[in-house]
Amino acid sequence: MKTSIIVLLALSPMMGCSAPSEVSLQLEADYEELASFSPKFKYYGIDALTFEKLFWKGLAQATNYFTEDVLQNPNAKRELASPFHLRFPMIHEVQRKRLSITQLTDGIAALERFTGPWYGLWEKMKVKHLWLPVRQSQHPLQGDFQLLAFQSAFTGDGMGWNFLVRHKGEVHMLGHVYHYDSEGDLINQTPHYAYLDQAGQITWITEDHIFFETVCHEDHDHGFAGKHYVITGESYDASTNEPHLTNRFQAIYLAKDQLLPQFQHFPHRAGQAKLAFKVLRGLRGILAAAVR
């Protein structure tokens, strides 16, 4: 896409620089740590320079997606995610979403909760992730965006980044993940953006999924005595005029490679969610009319 290429050139400090930027040095250190954690980086043919190029490309795609999906149509995904305001029968309930603008300190604190190695099952595949500490580094971007901080990761079948950016005085959380197949070929690129919810939960929105992610440190009620990373997801179909949710699932990763919780699929119960959402929307309308 032409827009992505233009933004990428504007974002990257690698064009015509005589000395490495602060971001370049930070990314080089992140690459060394992630490559030592997993030999897959060498298998994918990714060196430090390629790693940095993919960083800027991913940031460009994430800002483009955020611009198209939120800034141009701010209510596009709000109603789609609203059924998650209810509690569904899962191992971990989902927090009520605030869909709020992220404050920089809150965003950094939320991302830092995910720092460290994680082990789990995605479907039937055993995976290990490593999220590195958040790095703060201000860098101007195109389109009134400014990079404030980022977090690098190995994601089991590739790599990704979380970004905190400022746009017209407001701080937003973005992300991007690259996925590779067993032959080492790049098969998918996923830009996304997020909202910070209650208790540090992060709601990520991609072009076909919504993910609610959180870290619990102690949770004896659910049978886990130590720190664990909960990913609750829902795929959705955006090909129609009214996007609808299609598949709900949950994965729980542990901080240690031990007996791992099974990946779970859950019945959608679309009718119940749709009815409940209509009731909630009707109540909001009644209350709004009463206030007027």
C-alpha atoms as a PDB file:
ATOM      1  CA  MET A   1       0.000   0.000   0.000  1.00  0.00           C
ATOM      2  CA  LYS A   2       1.502   3.354  -1.037  1.00  0.00           C
ATOM      3  CA  THR A   3       0.531   5.081   2.228  1.00  0.00           C
ATOM      4  CA  SER A   4       2.457   2.524   4.284  1.00  0.00           C
ATOM      5  CA  ILE A   5       5.594   3.008   2.196  1.00  0.00           C
ATOM      6  CA  ILE A   6       5.445   6.807   2.557  1.00  0.00           C
ATOM      7  CA  VAL A   7       4.928   6.609   6.325  1.00  0.00           C
ATOM      8  CA  LEU A   8       7.700   4.045   6.708  1.00  0.00           C
ATOM      9  CA  LEU A   9      10.222   6.345   5.051  1.00  0.00           C
ATOM     10  CA  ALA A  10       9.134   9.236   7.238  1.00  0.00           C
ATOM     11  CA  LEU A  11       9.221   7.173  10.429  1.00  0.00           C
ATOM     12  CA  SER A  12      12.596   5.504  10.102  1.00  0.00           C
ATOM     13  CA  PRO A  13      15.663   7.405  11.380  1.00  0.00           C
ATOM     14  CA  MET A  14      17.858   4.968   9.430  1.00  0.00           C
ATOM     15  CA  MET A  15      17.606   7.017   6.227  1.00  0.00           C
ATOM     16  CA  GLY A  16      20.738   9.152   5.833  1.00  0.00           C
ATOM     17  CA  CYS A  17      21.823   9.132   9.505  1.00  0.00           C
ATOM     18  CA  SER A  18      25.537   9.163  10.245  1.00  0.00           C
ATOM     19  CA  ALA A  19      25.173   7.857  13.799  1.00  0.00           C
ATOM     20  CA  PRO A  20      22.753   5.347  15.356  1.00  0.00           C
ATOM     21  CA  SER A  21      19.756   6.926  17.051  1.00  0.00           C
ATOM     22  CA  GLU A  22      18.762   6.178  20.623  1.00  0.00           C
ATOM     23  CA  VAL A  23      15.983   3.925  19.327  1.00  0.00           C
ATOM     24  CA  SER A  24      18.488   2.043  17.121  1.00  0.00           C
ATOM     25  CA  LEU A  25      20.751   1.333  20.091  1.00  0.00           C
ATOM     26  CA  GLN A  26      17.808   0.194  22.196  1.00  0.00           C
ATOM     27  CA  LEU A  27      16.567  -2.100  19.430  1.00  0.00           C
ATOM     28  CA  GLU A  28      20.031  -3.577  18.963  1.00  0.00           C
ATOM     29  CA  ALA A  29      20.128  -4.497  22.669  1.00  0.00           C
ATOM     30  CA  ASP A  30      16.602  -5.943  22.484  1.00  0.00           C
ATOM     31  CA  TYR A  31      17.528  -8.035  19.455  1.00  0.00           C
ATOM     32  CA  GLU A  32      20.533  -9.538  21.230  1.00  0.00           C
ATOM     33  CA  GLU A  33      18.412 -10.527  24.226  1.00  0.00           C
ATOM     34  CA  LEU A  34      15.558 -11.990  22.172  1.00  0.00           C
ATOM     35  CA  ALA A  35      17.906 -13.847  19.794  1.00  0.00           C
ATOM     36  CA  SER A  36      19.663 -15.438  22.772  1.00  0.00           C
ATOM     37  CA  PHE A  37      16.256 -16.478  24.152  1.00  0.00           C
ATOM     38  CA  SER A  38      15.166 -18.228  20.949  1.00  0.00           C
ATOM     39  CA  PRO A  39      17.212 -19.614  18.027  1.00  0.00           C
ATOM     40  CA  LYS A  40      14.227 -18.956  15.745  1.00  0.00           C
ATOM     41  CA  PHE A  41      15.508 -15.458  14.950  1.00  0.00           C
ATOM     42  CA  LYS A  42      18.455 -16.968  13.077  1.00  0.00           C
ATOM     43  CA  TYR A  43      16.120 -19.525  11.485  1.00  0.00           C
ATOM     44  CA  TYR A  44      13.881 -16.691  10.268  1.00  0.00           C
ATOM     45  CA  GLY A  45      16.963 -14.975   8.825  1.00  0.00           C
ATOM     46  CA  ILE A  46      16.559 -11.915  11.062  1.00  0.00           C
ATOM     47  CA  ASP A  47      19.668  -9.988  12.078  1.00  0.00           C
ATOM     48  CA  ALA A  48      19.812  -6.780  14.105  1.00  0.00           C
ATOM     49  CA  LEU A  49      19.410  -4.529  11.061  1.00  0.00           C
ATOM     50  CA  THR A  50      16.384  -6.469   9.775  1.00  0.00           C
ATOM     51  CA  PHE A  51      14.932  -6.398  13.288  1.00  0.00           C
ATOM     52  CA  GLU A  52      15.083  -2.592  13.296  1.00  0.00           C
ATOM     53  CA  LYS A  53      13.605  -2.325   9.798  1.00  0.00           C
ATOM     54  CA  LEU A  54      10.694  -4.523  10.878  1.00  0.00           C
ATOM     55  CA  PHE A  55      10.207  -2.320  13.946  1.00  0.00           C
ATOM     56  CA  TRP A  56       9.702   0.828  11.846  1.00  0.00           C
ATOM     57  CA  LYS A  57       7.582  -0.993   9.291  1.00  0.00           C
ATOM     58  CA  GLY A  58       5.372  -2.390  12.068  1.00  0.00           C
ATOM     59  CA  LEU A  59       5.018   1.018  13.693  1.00  0.00           C
ATOM     60  CA  ALA A  60       4.026   2.516  10.336  1.00  0.00           C
ATOM     61  CA  GLN A  61       1.379  -0.158   9.794  1.00  0.00           C
ATOM     62  CA  ALA A  62       0.073   0.251  13.355  1.00  0.00           C
ATOM     63  CA  THR A  63      -0.300   4.039  13.053  1.00  0.00           C
ATOM     64  CA  ASN A  64      -2.004   3.620   9.671  1.00  0.00           C
ATOM     65  CA  TYR A  65      -4.461   1.077  11.051  1.00  0.00           C
ATOM     66  CA  PHE A  66      -5.193   3.230  14.095  1.00  0.00           C
ATOM     67  CA  THR A  67      -5.745   6.271  11.886  1.00  0.00           C
ATOM     68  CA  GLU A  68      -8.129   4.437   9.566  1.00  0.00           C
ATOM     69  CA  ASP A  69     -10.003   2.507  12.247  1.00  0.00           C
ATOM     70  CA  VAL A  70     -10.241   5.005  15.107  1.00  0.00           C
ATOM     71  CA  LEU A  71      -9.446   8.543  14.025  1.00  0.00           C
ATOM     72  CA  GLN A  72     -11.572   8.340  10.877  1.00  0.00           C
ATOM     73  CA  ASN A  73     -14.357   6.263  12.452  1.00  0.00           C
ATOM     74  CA  PRO A  74     -14.102   6.478  16.257  1.00  0.00           C
ATOM     75  CA  ASN A  75     -17.185   4.354  16.997  1.00  0.00           C
ATOM     76  CA  ALA A  76     -16.398   1.512  14.577  1.00  0.00           C
ATOM     77  CA  LYS A  77     -15.456  -1.076  17.212  1.00  0.00           C
ATOM     78  CA  ARG A  78     -17.083   0.281  20.379  1.00  0.00           C
ATOM     79  CA  GLU A  79     -20.440  -1.440  19.905  1.00  0.00           C
ATOM     80  CA  LEU A  80     -18.721  -4.592  18.662  1.00  0.00           C
ATOM     81  CA  ALA A  81     -16.821  -4.929  21.934  1.00  0.00           C
ATOM     82  CA  SER A  82     -19.732  -3.937  24.172  1.00  0.00           C
ATOM     83  CA  PRO A  83     -21.039  -7.493  24.878  1.00  0.00           C
ATOM     84  CA  PHE A  84     -17.841  -8.099  26.835  1.00  0.00           C
ATOM     85  CA  HIS A  85     -19.215  -5.726  29.480  1.00  0.00           C
ATOM     86  CA  LEU A  86     -20.999  -8.855  30.700  1.00  0.00           C
ATOM     87  CA  ARG A  87     -19.330 -11.770  32.431  1.00  0.00           C
ATOM     88  CA  PHE A  88     -19.177 -14.936  30.394  1.00  0.00           C
ATOM     89  CA  PRO A  89     -18.566 -18.430  31.849  1.00  0.00           C
ATOM     90  CA  MET A  90     -14.784 -18.498  31.498  1.00  0.00           C
ATOM     91  CA  ILE A  91     -11.945 -19.494  33.772  1.00  0.00           C
ATOM     92  CA  HIS A  92     -11.186 -15.792  34.127  1.00  0.00           C
ATOM     93  CA  GLU A  93     -13.875 -13.156  33.780  1.00  0.00           C
ATOM     94  CA  VAL A  94     -13.284 -10.149  31.554  1.00  0.00           C
ATOM     95  CA  GLN A  95     -13.083  -6.714  33.149  1.00  0.00           C
ATOM     96  CA  ARG A  96     -15.632  -4.067  32.210  1.00  0.00           C
ATOM     97  CA  LYS A  97     -14.104  -2.017  29.415  1.00  0.00           C
ATOM     98  CA  ARG A  98     -13.533   1.705  29.844  1.00  0.00           C
ATOM     99  CA  LEU A  99     -12.284   2.470  26.320  1.00  0.00           C
ATOM    100  CA  SER A 100     -10.336   5.313  27.833  1.00  0.00           C
ATOM    101  CA  ILE A 101      -7.420   7.341  26.554  1.00  0.00           C
ATOM    102  CA  THR A 102      -4.172   5.951  27.969  1.00  0.00           C
ATOM    103  CA  GLN A 103      -1.989   8.052  30.261  1.00  0.00           C
ATOM    104  CA  LEU A 104       1.727   7.509  29.629  1.00  0.00           C
ATOM    105  CA  THR A 105       2.543   6.399  33.171  1.00  0.00           C
ATOM    106  CA  ASP A 106      -0.470   4.053  33.259  1.00  0.00           C
ATOM    107  CA  GLY A 107       0.402   2.643  29.846  1.00  0.00           C
ATOM    108  CA  ILE A 108       3.984   1.914  30.838  1.00  0.00           C
ATOM    109  CA  ALA A 109       2.863   0.329  34.108  1.00  0.00           C
ATOM    110  CA  ALA A 110       0.333  -1.876  32.294  1.00  0.00           C
ATOM    111  CA  LEU A 111       2.881  -3.074  29.729  1.00  0.00           C
ATOM    112  CA  GLU A 112       5.522  -3.732  32.388  1.00  0.00           C
ATOM    113  CA  ARG A 113       3.170  -6.271  33.992  1.00  0.00           C
ATOM    114  CA  PHE A 114       3.770  -8.523  30.978  1.00  0.00           C
ATOM    115  CA  THR A 115       7.578  -8.343  31.172  1.00  0.00           C
ATOM    116  CA  GLY A 116       9.326 -11.711  31.407  1.00  0.00           C
ATOM    117  CA  PRO A 117       9.086 -15.217  29.932  1.00  0.00           C
ATOM    118  CA  TRP A 118       5.706 -16.937  29.464  1.00  0.00           C
ATOM    119  CA  TYR A 119       4.853 -20.562  28.668  1.00  0.00           C
ATOM    120  CA  GLY A 120       1.518 -21.873  27.454  1.00  0.00           C
ATOM    121  CA  LEU A 121      -0.604 -23.697  24.912  1.00  0.00           C
ATOM    122  CA  TRP A 122      -2.081 -21.981  21.857  1.00  0.00           C
ATOM    123  CA  GLU A 123      -4.600 -24.457  20.517  1.00  0.00           C
ATOM    124  CA  LYS A 124      -2.470 -27.623  20.843  1.00  0.00           C
ATOM    125  CA  MET A 125       0.871 -25.931  20.169  1.00  0.00           C
ATOM    126  CA  LYS A 126       3.241 -25.329  23.069  1.00  0.00           C
ATOM    127  CA  VAL A 127       4.625 -21.800  22.931  1.00  0.00           C
ATOM    128  CA  LYS A 128       7.036 -19.619  24.860  1.00  0.00           C
ATOM    129  CA  HIS A 129       7.046 -15.833  24.827  1.00  0.00           C
ATOM    130  CA  LEU A 130       9.456 -13.243  26.156  1.00  0.00           C
ATOM    131  CA  TRP A 131       8.378  -9.642  26.725  1.00  0.00           C
ATOM    132  CA  LEU A 132      11.228  -7.245  27.478  1.00  0.00           C
ATOM    133  CA  PRO A 133      11.037  -4.170  29.744  1.00  0.00           C
ATOM    134  CA  VAL A 134       9.488  -1.018  28.275  1.00  0.00           C
ATOM    135  CA  ARG A 135      11.972   1.427  26.782  1.00  0.00           C
ATOM    136  CA  GLN A 136      11.203   5.154  26.736  1.00  0.00           C
ATOM    137  CA  SER A 137      12.525   7.051  23.741  1.00  0.00           C
ATOM    138  CA  GLN A 138      10.871  10.057  22.142  1.00  0.00           C
ATOM    139  CA  HIS A 139      10.977  10.234  18.374  1.00  0.00           C
ATOM    140  CA  PRO A 140       8.846  12.360  16.002  1.00  0.00           C
ATOM    141  CA  LEU A 141       6.685  10.485  13.505  1.00  0.00           C
ATOM    142  CA  GLN A 142       4.597  11.512  10.531  1.00  0.00           C
ATOM    143  CA  GLY A 143       0.974  12.641  10.862  1.00  0.00           C
ATOM    144  CA  ASP A 144       1.325  14.444  14.217  1.00  0.00           C
ATOM    145  CA  PHE A 145       2.412  11.209  15.945  1.00  0.00           C
ATOM    146  CA  GLN A 146       5.320  10.966  18.359  1.00  0.00           C
ATOM    147  CA  LEU A 147       6.856   7.740  19.659  1.00  0.00           C
ATOM    148  CA  LEU A 148       7.111   7.820  23.466  1.00  0.00           C
ATOM    149  CA  ALA A 149       7.954   4.234  24.442  1.00  0.00           C
ATOM    150  CA  PHE A 150       8.035   0.684  23.109  1.00  0.00           C
ATOM    151  CA  GLN A 151       8.291  -2.917  24.264  1.00  0.00           C
ATOM    152  CA  SER A 152       9.919  -5.700  22.208  1.00  0.00           C
ATOM    153  CA  ALA A 153       8.908  -9.357  22.318  1.00  0.00           C
ATOM    154  CA  PHE A 154       9.419 -12.838  20.963  1.00  0.00           C
ATOM    155  CA  THR A 155       5.915 -14.251  20.487  1.00  0.00           C
ATOM    156  CA  GLY A 156       6.462 -17.964  19.930  1.00  0.00           C
ATOM    157  CA  ASP A 157       6.184 -17.873  16.140  1.00  0.00           C
ATOM    158  CA  GLY A 158       7.690 -14.477  15.464  1.00  0.00           C
ATOM    159  CA  MET A 159       8.208 -11.106  17.073  1.00  0.00           C
ATOM    160  CA  GLY A 160       6.244  -8.026  17.983  1.00  0.00           C
ATOM    161  CA  TRP A 161       6.209  -4.652  19.659  1.00  0.00           C
ATOM    162  CA  ASN A 162       3.906  -2.602  21.810  1.00  0.00           C
ATOM    163  CA  PHE A 163       4.107   1.149  21.229  1.00  0.00           C
ATOM    164  CA  LEU A 164       3.007   4.170  23.229  1.00  0.00           C
ATOM    165  CA  VAL A 165       2.553   7.182  20.943  1.00  0.00           C
ATOM    166  CA  ARG A 166       1.219  10.700  21.331  1.00  0.00           C
ATOM    167  CA  HIS A 167      -1.196  12.149  18.794  1.00  0.00           C
ATOM    168  CA  LYS A 168      -2.483  15.703  19.187  1.00  0.00           C
ATOM    169  CA  GLY A 169      -1.850  15.712  22.927  1.00  0.00           C
ATOM    170  CA  GLU A 170      -3.371  12.282  23.647  1.00  0.00           C
ATOM    171  CA  VAL A 171      -1.436   9.091  24.379  1.00  0.00           C
ATOM    172  CA  HIS A 172      -2.433   5.897  22.580  1.00  0.00           C
ATOM    173  CA  MET A 173      -1.299   2.272  22.795  1.00  0.00           C
ATOM    174  CA  LEU A 174      -0.497   0.509  19.510  1.00  0.00           C
ATOM    175  CA  GLY A 175       1.069  -2.818  18.587  1.00  0.00           C
ATOM    176  CA  HIS A 176       2.298  -5.003  15.763  1.00  0.00           C
ATOM    177  CA  VAL A 177       3.208  -8.707  15.440  1.00  0.00           C
ATOM    178  CA  TYR A 178       4.964 -10.647  12.666  1.00  0.00           C
ATOM    179  CA  HIS A 179       4.142 -14.364  12.363  1.00  0.00           C
ATOM    180  CA  TYR A 180       6.311 -17.003  10.646  1.00  0.00           C
ATOM    181  CA  ASP A 181       5.551 -20.580   9.614  1.00  0.00           C
ATOM    182  CA  SER A 182       7.573 -23.732  10.345  1.00  0.00           C
ATOM    183  CA  GLU A 183       9.625 -23.128   7.194  1.00  0.00           C
ATOM    184  CA  GLY A 184      10.698 -19.694   8.426  1.00  0.00           C
ATOM    185  CA  ASP A 185       8.547 -17.743   5.959  1.00  0.00           C
ATOM    186  CA  LEU A 186       6.631 -14.623   7.005  1.00  0.00           C
ATOM    187  CA  ILE A 187       2.926 -15.510   6.803  1.00  0.00           C
ATOM    188  CA  ASN A 188       1.090 -12.754   8.636  1.00  0.00           C
ATOM    189  CA  GLN A 189       1.500  -9.163   9.847  1.00  0.00           C
ATOM    190  CA  THR A 190      -0.952  -7.911  12.449  1.00  0.00           C
ATOM    191  CA  PRO A 191      -1.204  -4.224  13.379  1.00  0.00           C
ATOM    192  CA  HIS A 192      -3.458  -3.420  16.334  1.00  0.00           C
ATOM    193  CA  TYR A 193      -4.361  -0.731  18.857  1.00  0.00           C
ATOM    194  CA  ALA A 194      -5.467  -0.917  22.466  1.00  0.00           C
ATOM    195  CA  TYR A 195      -7.418   0.601  25.310  1.00  0.00           C
ATOM    196  CA  LEU A 196      -6.374   0.362  28.941  1.00  0.00           C
ATOM    197  CA  ASP A 197      -9.132  -1.134  31.082  1.00  0.00           C
ATOM    198  CA  GLN A 198      -9.681  -1.729  34.771  1.00  0.00           C
ATOM    199  CA  ALA A 199      -7.012  -3.472  36.867  1.00  0.00           C
ATOM    200  CA  GLY A 200      -4.384  -3.085  34.138  1.00  0.00           C
ATOM    201  CA  GLN A 201      -6.264  -5.177  31.579  1.00  0.00           C
ATOM    202  CA  ILE A 202      -5.437  -4.246  27.980  1.00  0.00           C
ATOM    203  CA  THR A 203      -7.998  -4.567  25.174  1.00  0.00           C
ATOM    204  CA  TRP A 204      -6.310  -5.111  21.809  1.00  0.00           C
ATOM    205  CA  ILE A 205      -8.254  -4.694  18.553  1.00  0.00           C
ATOM    206  CA  THR A 206      -7.057  -6.123  15.225  1.00  0.00           C
ATOM    207  CA  GLU A 207      -8.849  -6.218  11.880  1.00  0.00           C
ATOM    208  CA  ASP A 208     -10.513  -9.531  12.807  1.00  0.00           C
ATOM    209  CA  HIS A 209     -10.018 -10.161  16.552  1.00  0.00           C
ATOM    210  CA  ILE A 210     -10.502  -8.519  19.943  1.00  0.00           C
ATOM    211  CA  PHE A 211      -8.111  -9.619  22.707  1.00  0.00           C
ATOM    212  CA  PHE A 212      -8.453  -8.900  26.422  1.00  0.00           C
ATOM    213  CA  GLU A 213      -5.092  -9.454  28.114  1.00  0.00           C
ATOM    214  CA  THR A 214      -4.121  -9.211  31.759  1.00  0.00           C
ATOM    215  CA  VAL A 215      -1.579 -10.557  34.247  1.00  0.00           C
ATOM    216  CA  CYS A 216      -2.636 -11.997  37.606  1.00  0.00           C
ATOM    217  CA  HIS A 217       0.008 -12.448  40.277  1.00  0.00           C
ATOM    218  CA  GLU A 218      -1.922 -14.575  42.755  1.00  0.00           C
ATOM    219  CA  ASP A 219      -5.292 -16.113  42.003  1.00  0.00           C
ATOM    220  CA  HIS A 220      -6.072 -19.128  44.185  1.00  0.00           C
ATOM    221  CA  ASP A 221      -9.761 -18.984  43.262  1.00  0.00           C
ATOM    222  CA  HIS A 222      -8.894 -20.106  39.738  1.00  0.00           C
ATOM    223  CA  GLY A 223      -6.376 -22.729  40.823  1.00  0.00           C
ATOM    224  CA  PHE A 224      -3.194 -20.838  39.931  1.00  0.00           C
ATOM    225  CA  ALA A 225      -0.902 -19.997  42.816  1.00  0.00           C
ATOM    226  CA  GLY A 226       1.629 -17.961  40.831  1.00  0.00           C
ATOM    227  CA  LYS A 227       1.785 -15.249  38.210  1.00  0.00           C
ATOM    228  CA  HIS A 228      -0.124 -15.991  35.015  1.00  0.00           C
ATOM    229  CA  TYR A 229      -0.976 -14.221  31.766  1.00  0.00           C
ATOM    230  CA  VAL A 230      -4.587 -14.461  30.595  1.00  0.00           C
ATOM    231  CA  ILE A 231      -5.544 -13.983  26.939  1.00  0.00           C
ATOM    232  CA  THR A 232      -9.283 -13.880  26.263  1.00  0.00           C
ATOM    233  CA  GLY A 233     -10.138 -13.457  22.618  1.00  0.00           C
ATOM    234  CA  GLU A 234     -12.995 -13.221  20.192  1.00  0.00           C
ATOM    235  CA  SER A 235     -12.852 -13.291  16.411  1.00  0.00           C
ATOM    236  CA  TYR A 236     -15.294 -11.152  14.493  1.00  0.00           C
ATOM    237  CA  ASP A 237     -16.551 -10.843  10.949  1.00  0.00           C
ATOM    238  CA  ALA A 238     -16.212  -7.304   9.608  1.00  0.00           C
ATOM    239  CA  SER A 239     -17.233  -8.144   6.039  1.00  0.00           C
ATOM    240  CA  THR A 240     -20.853  -7.076   6.597  1.00  0.00           C
ATOM    241  CA  ASN A 241     -22.379  -3.709   7.468  1.00  0.00           C
ATOM    242  CA  GLU A 242     -22.888  -4.930  11.043  1.00  0.00           C
ATOM    243  CA  PRO A 243     -19.741  -6.771  12.228  1.00  0.00           C
ATOM    244  CA  HIS A 244     -20.560  -9.676  14.523  1.00  0.00           C
ATOM    245  CA  LEU A 245     -18.561 -11.810  16.958  1.00  0.00           C
ATOM    246  CA  THR A 246     -17.938 -15.387  15.833  1.00  0.00           C
ATOM    247  CA  ASN A 247     -15.638 -17.357  18.151  1.00  0.00           C
ATOM    248  CA  ARG A 248     -14.591 -16.963  21.811  1.00  0.00           C
ATOM    249  CA  PHE A 249     -11.501 -18.547  23.388  1.00  0.00           C
ATOM    250  CA  GLN A 250      -9.087 -18.218  26.310  1.00  0.00           C
ATOM    251  CA  ALA A 251      -5.440 -19.131  26.882  1.00  0.00           C
ATOM    252  CA  ILE A 252      -3.567 -18.931  30.180  1.00  0.00           C
ATOM    253  CA  TYR A 253       0.228 -18.717  30.128  1.00  0.00           C
ATOM    254  CA  LEU A 254       2.427 -19.333  33.163  1.00  0.00           C
ATOM    255  CA  ALA A 255       5.685 -17.711  34.210  1.00  0.00           C
ATOM    256  CA  LYS A 256       7.288 -21.157  34.562  1.00  0.00           C
ATOM    257  CA  ASP A 257       7.414 -24.077  32.139  1.00  0.00           C
ATOM    258  CA  GLN A 258       5.323 -26.518  34.160  1.00  0.00           C
ATOM    259  CA  LEU A 259       1.929 -28.222  33.816  1.00  0.00           C
ATOM    260  CA  LEU A 260       0.244 -25.857  31.372  1.00  0.00           C
ATOM    261  CA  PRO A 261      -3.482 -24.985  31.293  1.00  0.00           C
ATOM    262  CA  GLN A 262      -5.390 -26.161  28.249  1.00  0.00           C
ATOM    263  CA  PHE A 263      -6.454 -23.732  25.542  1.00  0.00           C
ATOM    264  CA  GLN A 264     -10.217 -23.258  25.887  1.00  0.00           C
ATOM    265  CA  HIS A 265     -13.008 -22.622  23.371  1.00  0.00           C
ATOM    266  CA  PHE A 266     -16.314 -21.296  24.696  1.00  0.00           C
ATOM    267  CA  PRO A 267     -19.844 -21.293  23.258  1.00  0.00           C
ATOM    268  CA  HIS A 268     -20.663 -17.925  21.805  1.00  0.00           C
ATOM    269  CA  ARG A 269     -24.217 -17.498  23.122  1.00  0.00           C
ATOM    270  CA  ALA A 270     -24.668 -14.741  20.604  1.00  0.00           C
ATOM    271  CA  GLY A 271     -28.385 -14.454  21.178  1.00  0.00           C
ATOM    272  CA  GLN A 272     -27.993 -13.831  24.908  1.00  0.00           C
ATOM    273  CA  ALA A 273     -25.215 -11.307  24.393  1.00  0.00           C
ATOM    274  CA  LYS A 274     -27.153  -9.464  21.703  1.00  0.00           C
ATOM    275  CA  LEU A 275     -30.292  -9.315  23.849  1.00  0.00           C
ATOM    276  CA  ALA A 276     -28.352  -8.119  26.893  1.00  0.00           C
ATOM    277  CA  PHE A 277     -26.609  -5.480  24.826  1.00  0.00           C
ATOM    278  CA  LYS A 278     -29.927  -4.193  23.477  1.00  0.00           C
ATOM    279  CA  VAL A 279     -31.279  -3.994  27.035  1.00  0.00           C
ATOM    280  CA  LEU A 280     -28.207  -2.050  28.205  1.00  0.00           C
ATOM    281  CA  ARG A 281     -28.407   0.306  25.246  1.00  0.00           C
ATOM    282  CA  GLY A 282     -32.119   0.853  25.923  1.00  0.00           C
ATOM    283  CA  LEU A 283     -31.423   1.659  29.568  1.00  0.00           C
ATOM    284  CA  ARG A 284     -28.757   4.163  28.557  1.00  0.00           C
ATOM    285  CA  GLY A 285     -31.282   5.836  26.264  1.00  0.00           C
ATOM    286  CA  ILE A 286     -33.895   6.024  29.011  1.00  0.00           C
ATOM    287  CA  LEU A 287     -31.380   7.512  31.464  1.00  0.00           C
ATOM    288  CA  ALA A 288     -30.181  10.034  28.901  1.00  0.00           C
ATOM    289  CA  ALA A 289     -33.763  11.105  28.193  1.00  0.00           C
ATOM    290  CA  ALA A 290     -34.436  11.451  31.912  1.00  0.00           C
ATOM    291  CA  VAL A 291     -31.401  13.700  32.341  1.00  0.00           C
ATOM    292  CA  ARG A 292     -32.519  15.938  29.488  1.00  0.00           C
END
